[in-house]
Amino acid sequence: MADQSAMSEVKYFPDVPRHFPLNWSVIADRFNKYIMDDKNGVRFTDKEGFHRFGAFVEDGRP
């Protein structure tokens, strides 16, 4: 069978990856816990009672 791949380099890829894939579920859980914890200052409630997410540049709080 002829090589039908648009990327001929695929034939040089190893059969098994060198590293295990990242566990995105664990990473997402840790990120969510950090973001949603008010003591970290990323999520906060503004004067009108809306939940906001501050960024390093955008957040005008002292």
PDB file of N, CA and C in Angstrom:
ATOM      1  N   MET A   1       0.842  -1.178   0.000  1.00  0.00           N
ATOM      2  CA  MET A   1       0.000   0.000   0.000  1.00  0.00           C
ATOM      3  C   MET A   1       0.891   1.246   0.000  1.00  0.00           C
ATOM      4  N   ALA A   2       0.573   2.201  -0.815  1.00  0.00           N
ATOM      5  CA  ALA A   2       1.351   3.427  -0.913  1.00  0.00           C
ATOM      6  C   ALA A   2       1.114   4.315   0.304  1.00  0.00           C
ATOM      7  N   ASP A   3       2.135   5.119   0.641  1.00  0.00           N
ATOM      8  CA  ASP A   3       2.024   6.064   1.752  1.00  0.00           C
ATOM      9  C   ASP A   3       1.063   7.184   1.360  1.00  0.00           C
ATOM     10  N   GLN A   4      -0.086   7.242   2.017  1.00  0.00           N
ATOM     11  CA  GLN A   4      -1.110   8.222   1.696  1.00  0.00           C
ATOM     12  C   GLN A   4      -1.059   9.442   2.617  1.00  0.00           C
ATOM     13  N   SER A   5      -0.110   9.492   3.529  1.00  0.00           N
ATOM     14  CA  SER A   5      -0.049  10.571   4.516  1.00  0.00           C
ATOM     15  C   SER A   5       0.424  11.877   3.886  1.00  0.00           C
ATOM     16  N   ALA A   6      -0.171  12.981   4.344  1.00  0.00           N
ATOM     17  CA  ALA A   6       0.271  14.299   3.898  1.00  0.00           C
ATOM     18  C   ALA A   6       1.570  14.682   4.602  1.00  0.00           C
ATOM     19  N   MET A   7       1.884  13.969   5.699  1.00  0.00           N
ATOM     20  CA  MET A   7       3.119  14.236   6.439  1.00  0.00           C
ATOM     21  C   MET A   7       3.987  12.985   6.369  1.00  0.00           C
ATOM     22  N   SER A   8       4.897  12.966   5.459  1.00  0.00           N
ATOM     23  CA  SER A   8       5.714  11.763   5.274  1.00  0.00           C
ATOM     24  C   SER A   8       6.610  11.481   6.481  1.00  0.00           C
ATOM     25  N   GLU A   9       6.832  12.476   7.338  1.00  0.00           N
ATOM     26  CA  GLU A   9       7.696  12.284   8.506  1.00  0.00           C
ATOM     27  C   GLU A   9       7.096  11.344   9.544  1.00  0.00           C
ATOM     28  N   VAL A  10       5.802  11.093   9.439  1.00  0.00           N
ATOM     29  CA  VAL A  10       5.132  10.224  10.401  1.00  0.00           C
ATOM     30  C   VAL A  10       5.819   8.863  10.478  1.00  0.00           C
ATOM     31  N   LYS A  11       6.357   8.411   9.400  1.00  0.00           N
ATOM     32  CA  LYS A  11       7.016   7.097   9.409  1.00  0.00           C
ATOM     33  C   LYS A  11       8.230   7.059  10.332  1.00  0.00           C
ATOM     34  N   TYR A  12       8.756   8.218  10.724  1.00  0.00           N
ATOM     35  CA  TYR A  12       9.906   8.274  11.621  1.00  0.00           C
ATOM     36  C   TYR A  12       9.506   8.363  13.094  1.00  0.00           C
ATOM     37  N   PHE A  13       8.221   8.488  13.376  1.00  0.00           N
ATOM     38  CA  PHE A  13       7.761   8.565  14.763  1.00  0.00           C
ATOM     39  C   PHE A  13       8.006   7.224  15.440  1.00  0.00           C
ATOM     40  N   PRO A  14       8.345   7.236  16.728  1.00  0.00           N
ATOM     41  CA  PRO A  14       8.516   5.962  17.444  1.00  0.00           C
ATOM     42  C   PRO A  14       7.168   5.266  17.625  1.00  0.00           C
ATOM     43  N   ASP A  15       7.213   3.957  17.788  1.00  0.00           N
ATOM     44  CA  ASP A  15       5.984   3.192  18.009  1.00  0.00           C
ATOM     45  C   ASP A  15       5.324   3.558  19.336  1.00  0.00           C
ATOM     46  N   VAL A  16       6.145   3.857  20.323  1.00  0.00           N
ATOM     47  CA  VAL A  16       5.657   4.216  21.648  1.00  0.00           C
ATOM     48  C   VAL A  16       6.230   5.590  21.999  1.00  0.00           C
ATOM     49  N   PRO A  17       5.395   6.511  22.490  1.00  0.00           N
ATOM     50  CA  PRO A  17       5.920   7.833  22.867  1.00  0.00           C
ATOM     51  C   PRO A  17       6.985   7.719  23.956  1.00  0.00           C
ATOM     52  N   ARG A  18       7.894   8.667  23.978  1.00  0.00           N
ATOM     53  CA  ARG A  18       8.963   8.661  24.988  1.00  0.00           C
ATOM     54  C   ARG A  18       8.439   9.013  26.371  1.00  0.00           C
ATOM     55  N   HIS A  19       7.383   9.809  26.426  1.00  0.00           N
ATOM     56  CA  HIS A  19       6.818  10.254  27.701  1.00  0.00           C
ATOM     57  C   HIS A  19       5.334   9.900  27.755  1.00  0.00           C
ATOM     58  N   PHE A  20       4.873   9.628  28.957  1.00  0.00           N
ATOM     59  CA  PHE A  20       3.447   9.401  29.120  1.00  0.00           C
ATOM     60  C   PHE A  20       2.714  10.726  28.927  1.00  0.00           C
ATOM     61  N   PRO A  21       1.482  10.692  28.422  1.00  0.00           N
ATOM     62  CA  PRO A  21       0.728  11.932  28.263  1.00  0.00           C
ATOM     63  C   PRO A  21       0.380  12.534  29.626  1.00  0.00           C
ATOM     64  N   LEU A  22       0.215  13.839  29.643  1.00  0.00           N
ATOM     65  CA  LEU A  22      -0.138  14.520  30.879  1.00  0.00           C
ATOM     66  C   LEU A  22      -1.536  14.110  31.326  1.00  0.00           C
ATOM     67  N   ASN A  23      -1.738  14.091  32.627  1.00  0.00           N
ATOM     68  CA  ASN A  23      -3.049  13.779  33.183  1.00  0.00           C
ATOM     69  C   ASN A  23      -3.831  15.090  33.276  1.00  0.00           C
ATOM     70  N   TRP A  24      -4.543  15.428  32.211  1.00  0.00           N
ATOM     71  CA  TRP A  24      -5.228  16.726  32.140  1.00  0.00           C
ATOM     72  C   TRP A  24      -6.338  16.850  33.163  1.00  0.00           C
ATOM     73  N   SER A  25      -6.929  15.761  33.578  1.00  0.00           N
ATOM     74  CA  SER A  25      -7.982  15.818  34.590  1.00  0.00           C
ATOM     75  C   SER A  25      -7.429  16.340  35.918  1.00  0.00           C
ATOM     76  N   VAL A  26      -6.291  15.832  36.328  1.00  0.00           N
ATOM     77  CA  VAL A  26      -5.654  16.287  37.573  1.00  0.00           C
ATOM     78  C   VAL A  26      -5.227  17.750  37.447  1.00  0.00           C
ATOM     79  N   ILE A  27      -4.642  18.117  36.323  1.00  0.00           N
ATOM     80  CA  ILE A  27      -4.205  19.498  36.110  1.00  0.00           C
ATOM     81  C   ILE A  27      -5.400  20.440  36.134  1.00  0.00           C
ATOM     82  N   ALA A  28      -6.485  20.067  35.481  1.00  0.00           N
ATOM     83  CA  ALA A  28      -7.687  20.912  35.453  1.00  0.00           C
ATOM     84  C   ALA A  28      -8.293  21.060  36.852  1.00  0.00           C
ATOM     85  N   ASP A  29      -8.309  19.989  37.617  1.00  0.00           N
ATOM     86  CA  ASP A  29      -8.840  20.068  38.985  1.00  0.00           C
ATOM     87  C   ASP A  29      -8.017  21.010  39.849  1.00  0.00           C
ATOM     88  N   ARG A  30      -6.700  20.917  39.757  1.00  0.00           N
ATOM     89  CA  ARG A  30      -5.830  21.805  40.542  1.00  0.00           C
ATOM     90  C   ARG A  30      -6.016  23.255  40.125  1.00  0.00           C
ATOM     91  N   PHE A  31      -6.108  23.498  38.825  1.00  0.00           N
ATOM     92  CA  PHE A  31      -6.323  24.849  38.311  1.00  0.00           C
ATOM     93  C   PHE A  31      -7.652  25.401  38.824  1.00  0.00           C
ATOM     94  N   ASN A  32      -8.699  24.603  38.719  1.00  0.00           N
ATOM     95  CA  ASN A  32     -10.024  25.039  39.145  1.00  0.00           C
ATOM     96  C   ASN A  32     -10.056  25.361  40.641  1.00  0.00           C
ATOM     97  N   LYS A  33      -9.463  24.509  41.448  1.00  0.00           N
ATOM     98  CA  LYS A  33      -9.433  24.754  42.894  1.00  0.00           C
ATOM     99  C   LYS A  33      -8.699  26.056  43.210  1.00  0.00           C
ATOM    100  N   TYR A  34      -7.596  26.308  42.520  1.00  0.00           N
ATOM    101  CA  TYR A  34      -6.831  27.539  42.768  1.00  0.00           C
ATOM    102  C   TYR A  34      -7.626  28.766  42.340  1.00  0.00           C
ATOM    103  N   ILE A  35      -8.192  28.733  41.142  1.00  0.00           N
ATOM    104  CA  ILE A  35      -8.924  29.871  40.607  1.00  0.00           C
ATOM    105  C   ILE A  35     -10.149  30.192  41.454  1.00  0.00           C
ATOM    106  N   MET A  36     -10.877  29.185  41.863  1.00  0.00           N
ATOM    107  CA  MET A  36     -12.134  29.391  42.574  1.00  0.00           C
ATOM    108  C   MET A  36     -11.952  29.701  44.056  1.00  0.00           C
ATOM    109  N   ASP A  37     -10.760  29.567  44.588  1.00  0.00           N
ATOM    110  CA  ASP A  37     -10.499  29.875  45.998  1.00  0.00           C
ATOM    111  C   ASP A  37     -10.279  31.379  46.140  1.00  0.00           C
ATOM    112  N   ASP A  38     -11.211  32.058  46.816  1.00  0.00           N
ATOM    113  CA  ASP A  38     -11.161  33.517  46.942  1.00  0.00           C
ATOM    114  C   ASP A  38      -9.866  34.024  47.586  1.00  0.00           C
ATOM    115  N   LYS A  39      -9.263  33.250  48.447  1.00  0.00           N
ATOM    116  CA  LYS A  39      -8.056  33.729  49.137  1.00  0.00           C
ATOM    117  C   LYS A  39      -6.878  33.922  48.175  1.00  0.00           C
ATOM    118  N   ASN A  40      -6.938  33.311  46.979  1.00  0.00           N
ATOM    119  CA  ASN A  40      -5.859  33.480  46.002  1.00  0.00           C
ATOM    120  C   ASN A  40      -5.992  34.775  45.210  1.00  0.00           C
ATOM    121  N   GLY A  41      -7.140  35.430  45.300  1.00  0.00           N
ATOM    122  CA  GLY A  41      -7.310  36.742  44.684  1.00  0.00           C
ATOM    123  C   GLY A  41      -7.522  36.746  43.178  1.00  0.00           C
ATOM    124  N   VAL A  42      -7.717  35.598  42.593  1.00  0.00           N
ATOM    125  CA  VAL A  42      -7.964  35.559  41.149  1.00  0.00           C
ATOM    126  C   VAL A  42      -9.438  35.838  40.884  1.00  0.00           C
ATOM    127  N   ARG A  43     -10.294  35.165  41.601  1.00  0.00           N
ATOM    128  CA  ARG A  43     -11.734  35.399  41.499  1.00  0.00           C
ATOM    129  C   ARG A  43     -12.143  36.272  42.671  1.00  0.00           C
ATOM    130  N   PHE A  44     -12.960  37.268  42.399  1.00  0.00           N
ATOM    131  CA  PHE A  44     -13.447  38.121  43.475  1.00  0.00           C
ATOM    132  C   PHE A  44     -14.834  38.646  43.118  1.00  0.00           C
ATOM    133  N   THR A  45     -15.508  39.212  44.083  1.00  0.00           N
ATOM    134  CA  THR A  45     -16.832  39.789  43.871  1.00  0.00           C
ATOM    135  C   THR A  45     -16.694  41.297  43.839  1.00  0.00           C
ATOM    136  N   ASP A  46     -17.214  41.917  42.770  1.00  0.00           N
ATOM    137  CA  ASP A  46     -17.104  43.379  42.656  1.00  0.00           C
ATOM    138  C   ASP A  46     -18.184  44.069  43.483  1.00  0.00           C
ATOM    139  N   LYS A  47     -18.208  45.400  43.436  1.00  0.00           N
ATOM    140  CA  LYS A  47     -19.145  46.197  44.240  1.00  0.00           C
ATOM    141  C   LYS A  47     -20.599  45.872  43.922  1.00  0.00           C
ATOM    142  N   GLU A  48     -20.886  45.493  42.693  1.00  0.00           N
ATOM    143  CA  GLU A  48     -22.257  45.172  42.280  1.00  0.00           C
ATOM    144  C   GLU A  48     -22.645  43.726  42.603  1.00  0.00           C
ATOM    145  N   GLY A  49     -21.723  42.947  43.129  1.00  0.00           N
ATOM    146  CA  GLY A  49     -22.010  41.569  43.488  1.00  0.00           C
ATOM    147  C   GLY A  49     -21.726  40.550  42.394  1.00  0.00           C
ATOM    148  N   PHE A  50     -21.094  40.992  41.304  1.00  0.00           N
ATOM    149  CA  PHE A  50     -20.758  40.073  40.220  1.00  0.00           C
ATOM    150  C   PHE A  50     -19.396  39.428  40.480  1.00  0.00           C
ATOM    151  N   HIS A  51     -19.287  38.161  40.097  1.00  0.00           N
ATOM    152  CA  HIS A  51     -18.001  37.478  40.209  1.00  0.00           C
ATOM    153  C   HIS A  51     -17.113  37.923  39.057  1.00  0.00           C
ATOM    154  N   ARG A  52     -15.892  38.276  39.367  1.00  0.00           N
ATOM    155  CA  ARG A  52     -14.918  38.725  38.373  1.00  0.00           C
ATOM    156  C   ARG A  52     -13.635  37.924  38.531  1.00  0.00           C
ATOM    157  N   PHE A  53     -12.884  37.890  37.447  1.00  0.00           N
ATOM    158  CA  PHE A  53     -11.585  37.227  37.452  1.00  0.00           C
ATOM    159  C   PHE A  53     -10.539  38.267  37.100  1.00  0.00           C
ATOM    160  N   GLY A  54      -9.628  38.523  38.010  1.00  0.00           N
ATOM    161  CA  GLY A  54      -8.583  39.507  37.772  1.00  0.00           C
ATOM    162  C   GLY A  54      -7.401  38.905  37.056  1.00  0.00           C
ATOM    163  N   ALA A  55      -6.762  39.716  36.266  1.00  0.00           N
ATOM    164  CA  ALA A  55      -5.524  39.320  35.604  1.00  0.00           C
ATOM    165  C   ALA A  55      -4.429  40.228  36.130  1.00  0.00           C
ATOM    166  N   PHE A  56      -3.204  39.843  35.951  1.00  0.00           N
ATOM    167  CA  PHE A  56      -2.089  40.628  36.484  1.00  0.00           C
ATOM    168  C   PHE A  56      -2.107  42.054  35.966  1.00  0.00           C
ATOM    169  N   VAL A  57      -2.425  42.245  34.716  1.00  0.00           N
ATOM    170  CA  VAL A  57      -2.406  43.572  34.113  1.00  0.00           C
ATOM    171  C   VAL A  57      -3.745  44.277  34.298  1.00  0.00           C
ATOM    172  N   GLU A  58      -4.846  43.544  34.172  1.00  0.00           N
ATOM    173  CA  GLU A  58      -6.160  44.157  34.185  1.00  0.00           C
ATOM    174  C   GLU A  58      -6.693  44.476  35.567  1.00  0.00           C
ATOM    175  N   ASP A  59      -6.247  43.774  36.566  1.00  0.00           N
ATOM    176  CA  ASP A  59      -6.790  43.940  37.901  1.00  0.00           C
ATOM    177  C   ASP A  59      -6.320  45.254  38.508  1.00  0.00           C
ATOM    178  N   GLY A  60      -7.263  46.150  38.812  1.00  0.00           N
ATOM    179  CA  GLY A  60      -6.906  47.458  39.361  1.00  0.00           C
ATOM    180  C   GLY A  60      -6.870  47.497  40.872  1.00  0.00           C
ATOM    181  N   ARG A  61      -7.073  46.355  41.523  1.00  0.00           N
ATOM    182  CA  ARG A  61      -7.032  46.347  42.987  1.00  0.00           C
ATOM    183  C   ARG A  61      -5.613  46.533  43.468  1.00  0.00           C
ATOM    184  N   PRO A  62      -5.450  47.165  44.655  1.00  0.00           N
ATOM    185  CA  PRO A  62      -4.085  47.333  45.199  1.00  0.00           C
ATOM    186  C   PRO A  62      -3.479  46.029  45.665  1.00  0.00           C
TER     187      PRO A  62
END
